[in-house]
């Protein structure tokens, strides 16, 4: 992933994405550089309109992120918490009623 991030950074800076520039950015970030991965990344990005690819990815990301939120898991957790609170409330009331009967 860091190779793609470095390429995006180079593109954002308005520079040409080539092996030497990509290697310099990765080294500056403290990444252990693999020359084969650099060559593969540069070759894969040849002819790609990066701005268009970013726009498409930005549109697709919120849709994918919204899907897990629609699931029932968070609701189930909320119901369990409410049940625990109700049970605790009853037990405290019952305990208080029991103590009251001792004195009255």
Protein backbone atom coordinates (compact mmCIF):
# COMPACT_ATOMS: atom_id res chain seq x y z
CA UNK A 1 0.00 0.00 0.00
CA UNK A 2 2.82 2.38 0.80
CA UNK A 3 3.97 2.19 -2.84
CA UNK A 4 0.60 3.46 -4.04
CA UNK A 5 0.53 6.15 -1.35
CA UNK A 6 3.97 7.31 -2.43
CA UNK A 7 2.84 7.40 -6.07
CA UNK A 8 -0.21 9.46 -5.10
CA UNK A 9 1.99 11.87 -3.18
CA UNK A 10 4.32 12.27 -6.15
CA UNK A 11 1.32 12.83 -8.44
CA UNK A 12 -0.16 15.42 -6.05
CA UNK A 13 3.18 17.26 -6.07
CA UNK A 14 2.96 17.45 -9.86
CA UNK A 15 6.04 15.30 -10.44
CA UNK A 16 6.51 12.39 -12.81
CA UNK A 17 6.06 8.99 -11.21
CA UNK A 18 9.24 7.13 -12.08
CA UNK A 19 11.38 4.54 -10.30
CA UNK A 20 13.93 7.01 -8.92
CA UNK A 21 11.36 9.41 -7.49
CA UNK A 22 9.25 6.62 -6.02
CA UNK A 23 12.32 5.10 -4.38
CA UNK A 24 13.34 8.46 -2.86
CA UNK A 25 9.87 9.03 -1.38
CA UNK A 26 9.71 5.53 0.10
CA UNK A 27 13.20 5.80 1.58
CA UNK A 28 12.34 9.20 3.08
CA UNK A 29 9.32 7.57 4.73
CA UNK A 30 11.51 4.85 6.22
CA UNK A 31 10.08 2.02 4.13
CA UNK A 32 12.28 -0.95 3.22
CA UNK A 33 12.38 -0.57 -0.56
CA UNK A 34 11.88 -3.53 -2.90
CA UNK A 35 13.12 -2.63 -6.40
CA UNK A 36 10.87 -5.22 -8.04
CA UNK A 37 7.79 -3.71 -6.40
CA UNK A 38 8.88 -0.22 -7.47
CA UNK A 39 9.20 -1.37 -11.09
CA UNK A 40 5.85 -3.14 -10.92
CA UNK A 41 4.12 -0.10 -9.43
CA UNK A 42 5.53 2.29 -12.02
CA UNK A 43 4.63 -0.12 -14.84
CA UNK A 44 1.10 -0.57 -13.50
CA UNK A 45 0.55 3.19 -13.33
CA UNK A 46 1.69 3.86 -16.90
CA UNK A 47 -1.26 5.21 -18.86
CA UNK A 48 -3.53 5.46 -15.80
CA UNK A 49 -5.39 8.72 -15.23
CA UNK A 50 -4.75 8.99 -11.49
CA UNK A 51 -7.18 11.87 -10.94
CA UNK A 52 -9.99 9.85 -12.52
CA UNK A 53 -9.08 6.76 -10.49
CA UNK A 54 -9.15 8.79 -7.26
CA UNK A 55 -12.58 10.22 -8.12
CA UNK A 56 -13.99 6.76 -8.76
CA UNK A 57 -12.49 5.42 -5.54
CA UNK A 58 -13.82 8.37 -3.53
CA UNK A 59 -17.36 7.70 -4.78
CA UNK A 60 -17.19 3.97 -4.10
CA UNK A 61 -15.70 4.22 -0.60
CA UNK A 62 -18.71 5.75 1.23
CA UNK A 63 -21.04 3.16 -0.28
CA UNK A 64 -18.86 0.33 0.97
CA UNK A 65 -18.49 1.92 4.39
CA UNK A 66 -22.23 2.40 4.78
CA UNK A 67 -23.02 -1.30 4.31
CA UNK A 68 -21.73 -2.51 7.71
CA UNK A 69 -23.63 0.25 9.49
CA UNK A 70 -26.90 -1.11 8.10
CA UNK A 71 -26.32 -4.49 9.80
CA UNK A 72 -28.10 -5.53 12.97
CA UNK A 73 -25.06 -6.05 15.18
CA UNK A 74 -24.95 -2.57 16.81
CA UNK A 75 -28.68 -2.72 17.53
CA UNK A 76 -28.31 -6.07 19.26
CA UNK A 77 -25.59 -4.66 21.52
CA UNK A 78 -27.78 -1.69 22.40
CA UNK A 79 -30.67 -4.00 23.29
CA UNK A 80 -28.44 -6.09 25.56
CA UNK A 81 -27.26 -2.97 27.41
CA UNK A 82 -30.84 -1.82 27.91
CA UNK A 83 -31.81 -5.25 29.26
CA UNK A 84 -28.93 -5.16 31.74
CA UNK A 85 -29.95 -1.70 32.93
CA UNK A 86 -33.54 -2.84 33.43
CA UNK A 87 -32.43 -5.90 35.38
CA UNK A 88 -30.13 -3.81 37.57
CA UNK A 89 -32.91 -1.32 38.20
CA UNK A 90 -35.30 -4.03 39.39
CA UNK A 91 -32.77 -5.62 41.67
CA UNK A 92 -32.01 -2.30 43.38
CA UNK A 93 -35.72 -1.59 43.84
CA UNK A 94 -36.30 -5.04 45.25
CA UNK A 95 -33.35 -4.68 47.61
CA UNK A 96 -34.65 -1.31 48.82
CA UNK A 97 -38.12 -2.77 49.40
CA UNK A 98 -36.60 -5.60 51.42
CA UNK A 99 -34.71 -3.17 53.66
CA UNK A 100 -37.80 -1.05 54.15
CA UNK A 101 -39.70 -4.01 55.52
CA UNK A 102 -37.09 -4.46 58.23
CA UNK A 103 -37.91 -1.06 59.73
CA UNK A 104 -41.58 -0.70 59.07
